[in-house]
Amino acid sequence: MMRAGSRRTLGVASAVMVAALAISGVGPYDRMTWWLEVAPVIIVLPILWLTKERFPLTTLLYALIAVHAVILCAGGHWTYARVPFGDWLQHALDLARNPYDRIGHLAQGFVLAIAAREILSRTSPLRGSRWLPVLVVMTCMAISATYELIEWLTAVLAGGGAVEFLGTQGDPWDEQWDMLCATLGAIAA
């Protein structure tokens, strides 16, 4: 049975995600990129509601998922290379590129690690095991690598139409940096 605090948090988190989707969907820089970037939000939101009674998540995880959804929606609206906050950071820190993509991948690793830990500690004999953090980080690394492969396959299938989705900003090591950032986010969690 779902606790009242978790139910309330799921309701608030869902409202935040729906609002982020709606706002980001108004006049995005590139509609196809928007769809590709917000797809995880569109997929996860119904799953959270379908599993809320049988497998309710913690208040912390619901809140983190909502924050990550906002990050994804902003990246979808402007494309990661054009998010204004990233532009501000680029100029403030004198960086060669907009770092919003890196922030997104750090958040991806962090939120996935909290989710993986919660799921594994509740459904496996790993609770309290020294292997739990290792397997959590490895899970996040595997998901990050899979996401990079999905980006690559999308680029292959869409040809030049996937340039905004890839968001490499001319960095030949973008995929490796993305996976490293997700791994660092997972370790930090």
Protein backbone atom coordinates (compact mmCIF):
# COMPACT_ATOMS: atom_id res chain seq x y z
CA MET A 1 0.00 0.00 0.00
CA MET A 2 1.25 3.44 -0.92
CA ARG A 3 1.98 5.89 1.91
CA ALA A 4 0.14 9.21 1.82
CA GLY A 5 3.42 11.17 1.55
CA SER A 6 4.53 9.15 -1.46
CA ARG A 7 1.09 9.48 -3.07
CA ARG A 8 1.19 13.25 -2.62
CA THR A 9 4.77 13.41 -3.94
CA LEU A 10 3.81 11.31 -6.97
CA GLY A 11 0.93 13.70 -7.65
CA VAL A 12 3.17 16.77 -7.38
CA ALA A 13 5.95 15.11 -9.41
CA SER A 14 3.44 14.16 -12.10
CA ALA A 15 2.06 17.69 -12.23
CA VAL A 16 5.60 19.05 -12.61
CA MET A 17 6.36 16.56 -15.40
CA VAL A 18 3.12 17.27 -17.28
CA ALA A 19 3.70 21.04 -16.95
CA ALA A 20 7.30 20.66 -18.16
CA LEU A 21 6.12 18.61 -21.13
CA ALA A 22 3.41 21.12 -22.00
CA ILE A 23 5.64 24.18 -21.67
CA SER A 24 8.55 22.62 -23.51
CA GLY A 25 6.26 21.45 -26.29
CA VAL A 26 5.27 25.02 -27.19
CA GLY A 27 7.44 26.16 -30.08
CA PRO A 28 10.50 23.95 -29.54
CA TYR A 29 13.62 24.67 -31.60
CA ASP A 30 13.20 21.36 -33.45
CA ARG A 31 10.03 19.27 -33.06
CA MET A 32 11.70 15.92 -33.82
CA THR A 33 14.45 16.61 -31.27
CA TRP A 34 11.78 17.54 -28.73
CA TRP A 35 10.04 14.20 -29.22
CA LEU A 36 13.29 12.29 -28.91
CA GLU A 37 14.38 14.13 -25.77
CA VAL A 38 11.05 13.98 -23.91
CA ALA A 39 10.30 10.35 -24.84
CA PRO A 40 11.72 9.04 -21.52
CA VAL A 41 9.35 11.35 -19.62
CA ILE A 42 6.38 10.20 -21.70
CA ILE A 43 7.36 6.55 -21.08
CA VAL A 44 8.13 6.83 -17.35
CA LEU A 45 5.10 8.87 -16.25
CA PRO A 46 2.47 6.16 -16.90
CA ILE A 47 4.80 3.49 -15.47
CA LEU A 48 5.00 5.44 -12.19
CA TRP A 49 1.21 5.46 -11.95
CA LEU A 50 0.80 1.83 -13.00
CA THR A 51 3.23 0.68 -10.30
CA LYS A 52 2.28 3.12 -7.52
CA GLU A 53 0.37 0.56 -5.42
CA ARG A 54 2.39 -2.56 -6.12
CA PHE A 55 5.82 -0.90 -6.02
CA PRO A 56 5.64 2.65 -4.67
CA LEU A 57 8.88 4.59 -4.81
CA THR A 58 10.27 6.83 -2.12
CA THR A 59 9.43 10.50 -1.92
CA LEU A 60 13.07 11.28 -2.78
CA LEU A 61 12.98 9.22 -5.96
CA TYR A 62 9.68 10.70 -7.16
CA ALA A 63 11.11 14.19 -6.62
CA LEU A 64 14.38 13.33 -8.42
CA ILE A 65 12.49 11.86 -11.37
CA ALA A 66 10.53 15.12 -11.67
CA VAL A 67 13.73 17.19 -11.59
CA HIS A 68 15.29 14.98 -14.26
CA ALA A 69 12.13 15.30 -16.36
CA VAL A 70 12.45 19.09 -16.24
CA ILE A 71 16.09 18.79 -17.38
CA LEU A 72 15.03 16.56 -20.29
CA CYS A 73 12.16 18.85 -21.27
CA ALA A 74 14.41 21.93 -21.29
CA GLY A 75 16.90 20.04 -23.45
CA GLY A 76 14.06 19.03 -25.75
CA HIS A 77 12.69 22.54 -26.04
CA TRP A 78 15.92 24.39 -26.86
CA THR A 79 18.13 21.36 -27.74
CA TYR A 80 20.91 20.68 -25.28
CA ALA A 81 23.39 22.84 -27.15
CA ARG A 82 21.09 25.88 -26.87
CA VAL A 83 19.66 25.76 -23.33
CA PRO A 84 20.11 29.30 -21.95
CA PHE A 85 21.35 28.11 -18.55
CA GLY A 86 24.08 26.17 -20.36
CA ASP A 87 24.97 29.25 -22.41
CA TRP A 88 25.27 31.24 -19.19
CA LEU A 89 27.52 28.57 -17.64
CA GLN A 90 29.62 28.41 -20.80
CA HIS A 91 30.34 32.12 -20.65
CA ALA A 92 30.65 32.32 -16.85
CA LEU A 93 33.16 29.46 -16.74
CA ASP A 94 34.82 30.27 -20.08
CA LEU A 95 34.04 26.81 -21.50
CA ALA A 96 34.45 25.79 -25.12
CA ARG A 97 30.86 24.49 -25.34
CA ASN A 98 27.47 24.66 -23.68
CA PRO A 99 27.71 22.16 -20.78
CA TYR A 100 23.97 21.53 -20.36
CA ASP A 101 24.32 18.10 -21.98
CA ARG A 102 26.89 17.15 -19.35
CA ILE A 103 24.52 18.32 -16.58
CA GLY A 104 21.80 16.16 -18.10
CA HIS A 105 24.04 13.09 -18.11
CA LEU A 106 25.19 13.71 -14.54
CA ALA A 107 21.53 13.89 -13.52
CA GLN A 108 20.77 10.77 -15.55
CA GLY A 109 23.41 8.80 -13.67
CA PHE A 110 22.44 10.22 -10.28
CA VAL A 111 18.69 9.58 -10.63
CA LEU A 112 19.21 6.15 -12.20
CA ALA A 113 21.52 5.17 -9.34
CA ILE A 114 18.93 6.13 -6.73
CA ALA A 115 16.29 4.17 -8.68
CA ALA A 116 18.51 1.13 -9.22
CA ARG A 117 19.53 1.07 -5.56
CA GLU A 118 15.93 1.34 -4.42
CA ILE A 119 14.77 -1.42 -6.75
CA LEU A 120 17.70 -3.78 -6.08
CA SER A 121 17.63 -3.31 -2.32
CA ARG A 122 13.90 -4.10 -2.24
CA THR A 123 13.79 -6.99 -4.72
CA SER A 124 17.08 -8.82 -4.38
CA PRO A 125 19.25 -10.30 -1.64
CA LEU A 126 21.74 -7.44 -2.15
CA ARG A 127 20.46 -5.21 0.65
CA GLY A 128 23.44 -4.38 2.85
CA SER A 129 25.82 -6.17 0.49
CA ARG A 130 29.08 -4.62 -0.65
CA TRP A 131 28.03 -5.59 -4.17
CA LEU A 132 24.97 -3.33 -4.16
CA PRO A 133 26.82 -0.07 -4.94
CA VAL A 134 28.98 -1.81 -7.53
CA LEU A 135 25.98 -3.26 -9.34
CA VAL A 136 24.12 0.05 -9.10
CA VAL A 137 26.98 1.90 -10.82
CA MET A 138 27.35 -0.88 -13.41
CA THR A 139 23.60 -0.72 -14.13
CA CYS A 140 23.84 3.03 -14.68
CA MET A 141 26.85 2.58 -16.95
CA ALA A 142 25.00 -0.04 -19.00
CA ILE A 143 21.92 2.16 -19.35
CA SER A 144 24.07 5.14 -20.33
CA ALA A 145 25.91 3.10 -22.96
CA THR A 146 22.58 1.79 -24.28
CA TYR A 147 21.26 5.36 -24.54
CA GLU A 148 24.35 6.39 -26.51
CA LEU A 149 23.77 3.46 -28.86
CA ILE A 150 20.15 4.56 -29.30
CA GLU A 151 21.39 8.07 -30.16
CA TRP A 152 23.81 6.57 -32.70
CA LEU A 153 21.09 4.37 -34.27
CA THR A 154 18.75 7.38 -34.45
CA ALA A 155 21.47 9.36 -36.22
CA VAL A 156 22.05 6.53 -38.68
CA LEU A 157 18.34 6.18 -39.43
CA ALA A 158 17.57 9.93 -39.54
CA GLY A 159 20.75 10.97 -41.32
CA GLY A 160 21.38 14.71 -40.98
CA GLY A 161 18.07 15.17 -39.15
CA ALA A 162 19.55 13.88 -35.90
CA VAL A 163 22.29 16.50 -35.53
CA GLU A 164 20.34 18.48 -32.90
CA PHE A 165 19.44 15.28 -31.01
CA LEU A 166 23.07 14.20 -30.86
CA GLY A 167 24.18 17.61 -29.62
CA THR A 168 27.88 16.83 -29.96
CA GLN A 169 28.76 20.49 -30.60
CA GLY A 170 31.78 19.36 -32.61
CA ASP A 171 33.22 17.24 -29.78
CA PRO A 172 34.51 13.93 -31.18
CA TRP A 173 34.49 12.50 -27.64
CA ASP A 174 30.93 13.55 -26.79
CA GLU A 175 29.60 10.02 -26.29
CA GLN A 176 32.48 9.09 -23.99
CA TRP A 177 32.02 12.29 -21.97
CA ASP A 178 28.28 11.54 -21.71
CA MET A 179 28.96 8.07 -20.34
CA LEU A 180 31.61 9.40 -17.95
CA CYS A 181 29.23 12.07 -16.63
CA ALA A 182 26.50 9.48 -16.08
CA THR A 183 28.99 7.25 -14.28
CA LEU A 184 30.17 10.13 -12.07
CA GLY A 185 26.53 10.97 -11.29
CA ALA A 186 25.92 7.34 -10.31
CA ILE A 187 29.00 7.25 -8.09
CA ALA A 188 27.98 10.53 -6.44
CA ALA A 189 24.54 9.10 -5.65
